[in-house]
C-alpha cells in the first residue's frame, strides 16, 4: 500500500492539533512524579497560594515549551533537527504534567492566558526555525539557559517547607540543562546579545503576568 506524502499543510494541521491538545487536555507523564519523593508538609494557606503562583508560572513555561518545540520542529530544515525538537517536546510533557499536578495539590489554578502564551511562543519558534537550523538550535540553547536561571530563582523563593514543589522544579532544571547541552552539541549558533536581552525581557513580562493571571 502506497504511503501518503505528508505535505506542509498536513504538518501545520498536525501542529495545530497538538496545540489544541496541549491547551485542553490533561497531560500524562511517562516518568514518576518527583513530588512523590517528599511528603506533603503542612503549609499555611498563604504558603500554598504562594507556591501555587510559582508553579503556575512554571506551567506557563511548559505551555510555551510545547509551542516552541512544535513550531521549531515544523520549520526545521533537517530531519535530524526536526527529530531532536520533537523528542524534546515529548520529554517536556512530563514537566507540563508535573506542574499541573502540583498546582492541583496546592489548590491553585492555571493561567487564564495560556492560549495567548502558546500563540506567542509558536510565532517565535516559527521565526527561529525559518532562520535556519543552527539559529534554531541556538534559540533552544538560550531559551533553556534562561529557563534554568528562572527555575533557580524559584527554588530560592518557594516557602521553605514546600519540598514537593522543590523536587519537581529540581528535576525540571536538570532536564532543561540536558536540552540546552544537546542543542549546543548539535551545532547551535550563539545568539547575538541584543536577541538574548529581548528574550529575557519577554520572559520577564510573561512570568510577572502569569504570577497573577
Protein backbone atom coordinates (compact mmCIF):
# COMPACT_ATOMS: atom_id res chain seq x y z
CA UNK A 1 0.00 0.00 0.00
CA UNK A 2 1.39 3.37 -1.01
CA UNK A 3 2.11 5.71 1.92
CA UNK A 4 0.57 9.17 1.65
CA UNK A 5 3.02 12.03 1.31
CA UNK A 6 2.87 14.44 4.27
CA UNK A 7 2.53 17.97 2.90
CA UNK A 8 3.40 21.24 4.63
CA UNK A 9 -0.32 21.82 5.17
CA UNK A 10 -0.64 18.39 6.78
CA UNK A 11 2.22 19.22 9.12
CA UNK A 12 0.65 22.56 10.04
CA UNK A 13 -2.68 20.90 10.79
CA UNK A 14 -0.94 18.29 12.95
CA UNK A 15 0.87 21.07 14.83
CA UNK A 16 -2.43 22.89 15.38
CA UNK A 17 -3.96 19.67 16.69
CA UNK A 18 -1.08 19.25 19.14
CA UNK A 19 -1.55 22.83 20.29
CA UNK A 20 -5.25 22.29 20.94
CA UNK A 21 -4.43 19.10 22.84
CA UNK A 22 -1.84 20.91 24.95
CA UNK A 23 -4.32 23.61 25.93
CA UNK A 24 -7.42 21.50 26.52
CA UNK A 25 -6.40 18.05 27.80
CA UNK A 26 -4.67 16.81 30.92
CA UNK A 27 -1.09 15.75 30.10
CA UNK A 28 0.14 12.32 31.17
CA UNK A 29 3.73 11.97 32.39
CA UNK A 30 5.80 8.92 31.47
CA UNK A 31 8.17 9.36 34.39
CA UNK A 32 7.37 9.18 38.09
CA UNK A 33 6.19 12.44 39.65
CA UNK A 34 9.21 13.86 41.53
CA UNK A 35 6.97 15.25 44.28
CA UNK A 36 6.23 11.70 45.45
CA UNK A 37 9.70 11.65 47.00
CA UNK A 38 8.63 14.07 49.72
CA UNK A 39 5.61 14.01 51.99
CA UNK A 40 3.12 16.86 51.81
CA UNK A 41 4.29 19.26 54.51
CA UNK A 42 1.71 21.32 56.37
CA UNK A 43 1.69 24.63 54.53
CA UNK A 44 -0.34 27.61 55.62
CA UNK A 45 -2.91 28.92 53.15
CA UNK A 46 -0.65 31.87 52.38
CA UNK A 47 2.24 29.50 51.65
CA UNK A 48 0.04 27.29 49.46
CA UNK A 49 -1.10 30.33 47.48
CA UNK A 50 2.49 31.50 47.08
CA UNK A 51 3.71 28.11 45.85
CA UNK A 52 0.72 27.76 43.52
CA UNK A 53 1.59 31.06 41.85
CA UNK A 54 5.16 29.93 41.22
CA UNK A 55 4.00 26.60 39.87
CA UNK A 56 1.51 28.42 37.62
CA UNK A 57 4.40 30.39 36.14
CA UNK A 58 6.31 27.15 35.59
CA UNK A 59 3.25 25.59 33.97
CA UNK A 60 3.06 28.55 31.58
CA UNK A 61 6.72 27.98 30.78
CA UNK A 62 5.91 24.42 29.80
CA UNK A 63 2.96 25.53 27.67
CA UNK A 64 5.43 27.83 25.89
CA UNK A 65 7.95 24.98 25.56
CA UNK A 66 5.39 22.83 23.76
CA UNK A 67 4.61 25.67 21.36
CA UNK A 68 8.27 26.44 20.75
CA UNK A 69 9.36 22.88 20.08
CA UNK A 70 6.30 22.18 17.93
CA UNK A 71 6.89 25.22 15.73
CA UNK A 72 10.66 24.75 15.62
CA UNK A 73 10.21 21.15 14.51
CA UNK A 74 7.72 22.32 11.88
CA UNK A 75 10.20 24.78 10.36
CA UNK A 76 13.44 22.81 10.86
CA UNK A 77 15.45 22.25 7.68
CA UNK A 78 16.95 18.84 8.51
CA UNK A 79 15.24 15.68 9.72
CA UNK A 80 17.86 15.35 12.46
CA UNK A 81 16.97 18.73 13.98
CA UNK A 82 13.25 18.09 13.49
CA UNK A 83 13.53 14.78 15.35
CA UNK A 84 15.52 16.41 18.16
CA UNK A 85 12.85 19.08 18.60
CA UNK A 86 10.06 16.51 18.62
CA UNK A 87 11.86 14.36 21.17
CA UNK A 88 12.45 17.34 23.47
CA UNK A 89 8.76 18.24 23.22
CA UNK A 90 7.82 14.73 24.34
CA UNK A 91 10.16 14.95 27.32
CA UNK A 92 8.74 18.35 28.28
CA UNK A 93 5.25 16.82 28.54
CA UNK A 94 6.40 15.30 31.83
CA UNK A 95 7.11 18.81 33.12
CA UNK A 96 3.71 20.00 31.98
CA UNK A 97 2.00 17.13 33.79
CA UNK A 98 4.06 17.57 36.96
CA UNK A 99 3.35 21.31 37.15
CA UNK A 100 -0.36 20.75 36.66
CA UNK A 101 -0.41 18.05 39.34
CA UNK A 102 1.38 20.26 41.83
CA UNK A 103 -0.95 23.19 41.08
CA UNK A 104 -3.91 20.92 41.79
CA UNK A 105 -2.35 19.67 45.02
CA UNK A 106 -1.92 23.25 46.17
CA UNK A 107 -5.47 24.21 45.24
CA UNK A 108 -4.28 26.70 42.63
CA UNK A 109 -5.25 27.32 39.02
CA UNK A 110 -3.58 27.52 35.64
CA UNK A 111 -3.03 30.82 33.83
CA UNK A 112 -6.09 32.25 32.13
CA UNK A 113 -3.84 33.46 29.33
CA UNK A 114 -2.44 30.08 28.25
CA UNK A 115 -3.82 30.34 24.68
CA UNK A 116 -2.05 33.69 24.32
CA UNK A 117 1.23 32.30 25.68
CA UNK A 118 1.01 29.36 23.30
CA UNK A 119 0.28 31.50 20.24
CA UNK A 120 3.10 33.93 21.00
CA UNK A 121 5.63 31.16 21.58
CA UNK A 122 4.56 29.33 18.42
CA UNK A 123 5.23 32.50 16.45
CA UNK A 124 8.69 32.93 17.99
CA UNK A 125 9.58 29.29 17.37
CA UNK A 126 8.49 29.58 13.75
CA UNK A 127 10.73 32.60 13.26
CA UNK A 128 13.68 30.76 14.83
CA UNK A 129 13.16 27.78 12.56
CA UNK A 130 12.91 29.90 9.43
CA UNK A 131 16.27 31.49 10.30
CA UNK A 132 17.99 28.12 9.82
CA UNK A 133 18.88 25.06 11.87
CA UNK A 134 21.92 26.47 13.65
CA UNK A 135 19.95 29.53 14.77
CA UNK A 136 17.03 27.28 15.60
CA UNK A 137 19.28 25.26 17.90
CA UNK A 138 20.80 28.45 19.27
CA UNK A 139 17.35 29.65 20.24
CA UNK A 140 16.77 26.38 22.11
CA UNK A 141 20.10 26.65 23.93
CA UNK A 142 19.47 30.24 25.04
CA UNK A 143 15.85 29.59 25.97
CA UNK A 144 16.82 26.64 28.14
CA UNK A 145 19.66 28.63 29.72
CA UNK A 146 17.22 31.33 30.74
CA UNK A 147 14.71 28.75 31.96
CA UNK A 148 17.35 27.15 34.19
CA UNK A 149 18.17 30.54 35.72
CA UNK A 150 14.47 31.20 36.20
CA UNK A 151 13.94 27.84 37.94
CA UNK A 152 16.89 28.55 40.21
CA UNK A 153 15.23 31.74 41.45
CA UNK A 154 12.05 29.79 42.17
CA UNK A 155 13.95 27.28 44.29
CA UNK A 156 15.04 30.19 46.46
CA UNK A 157 11.63 31.86 46.54
CA UNK A 158 9.38 28.92 47.45
CA UNK A 159 8.20 28.53 51.06
CA UNK A 160 10.88 26.68 53.00
CA UNK A 161 8.54 23.81 53.88
CA UNK A 162 7.39 23.16 50.31
CA UNK A 163 9.71 20.29 49.49
CA UNK A 164 7.36 18.70 46.96
CA UNK A 165 7.49 21.73 44.68
CA UNK A 166 11.26 21.84 45.09
CA UNK A 167 11.59 18.23 43.94
CA UNK A 168 9.55 18.97 40.83
CA UNK A 169 11.49 22.11 39.96
CA UNK A 170 14.86 20.48 40.62
CA UNK A 171 14.13 17.66 38.17
CA UNK A 172 12.87 20.15 35.60
CA UNK A 173 16.08 22.14 36.00
CA UNK A 174 18.17 19.03 35.38
CA UNK A 175 16.22 18.18 32.22
CA UNK A 176 16.41 21.73 30.85
CA UNK A 177 20.19 21.71 31.27
CA UNK A 178 20.32 18.49 29.24
CA UNK A 179 18.23 20.01 26.45
CA UNK A 180 20.45 23.09 26.32
CA UNK A 181 23.60 20.99 26.11
CA UNK A 182 22.08 18.77 23.42
CA UNK A 183 21.35 21.84 21.28
CA UNK A 184 24.90 23.12 21.73
CA UNK A 185 26.36 19.71 20.84
CA UNK A 186 24.18 19.60 17.73
CA UNK A 187 25.80 22.82 16.45
CA UNK A 188 23.84 25.73 17.91
CA UNK A 189 24.92 29.23 16.93
CA UNK A 190 25.27 31.56 19.94
CA UNK A 191 22.62 34.25 19.68
CA UNK A 192 23.59 37.94 19.48
CA UNK A 193 23.45 39.80 22.80
CA UNK A 194 20.50 42.05 21.76
CA UNK A 195 18.41 38.96 20.94
CA UNK A 196 19.26 37.43 24.32
CA UNK A 197 18.22 40.61 26.11
CA UNK A 198 14.98 40.77 24.14
CA UNK A 199 14.22 37.15 25.04
CA UNK A 200 14.92 37.92 28.69
CA UNK A 201 12.58 40.92 28.61
CA UNK A 202 9.79 38.89 27.00
CA UNK A 203 10.28 36.18 29.61
CA UNK A 204 10.08 38.71 32.42
CA UNK A 205 6.79 40.10 31.10
CA UNK A 206 5.38 36.59 30.82
CA UNK A 207 6.46 35.45 34.29
CA UNK A 208 5.28 38.63 36.02
CA UNK A 209 1.89 38.42 34.32
CA UNK A 210 1.41 34.67 34.83
CA UNK A 211 2.26 35.05 38.52
CA UNK A 212 -1.12 36.74 38.96
CA UNK A 213 -3.28 35.92 35.91
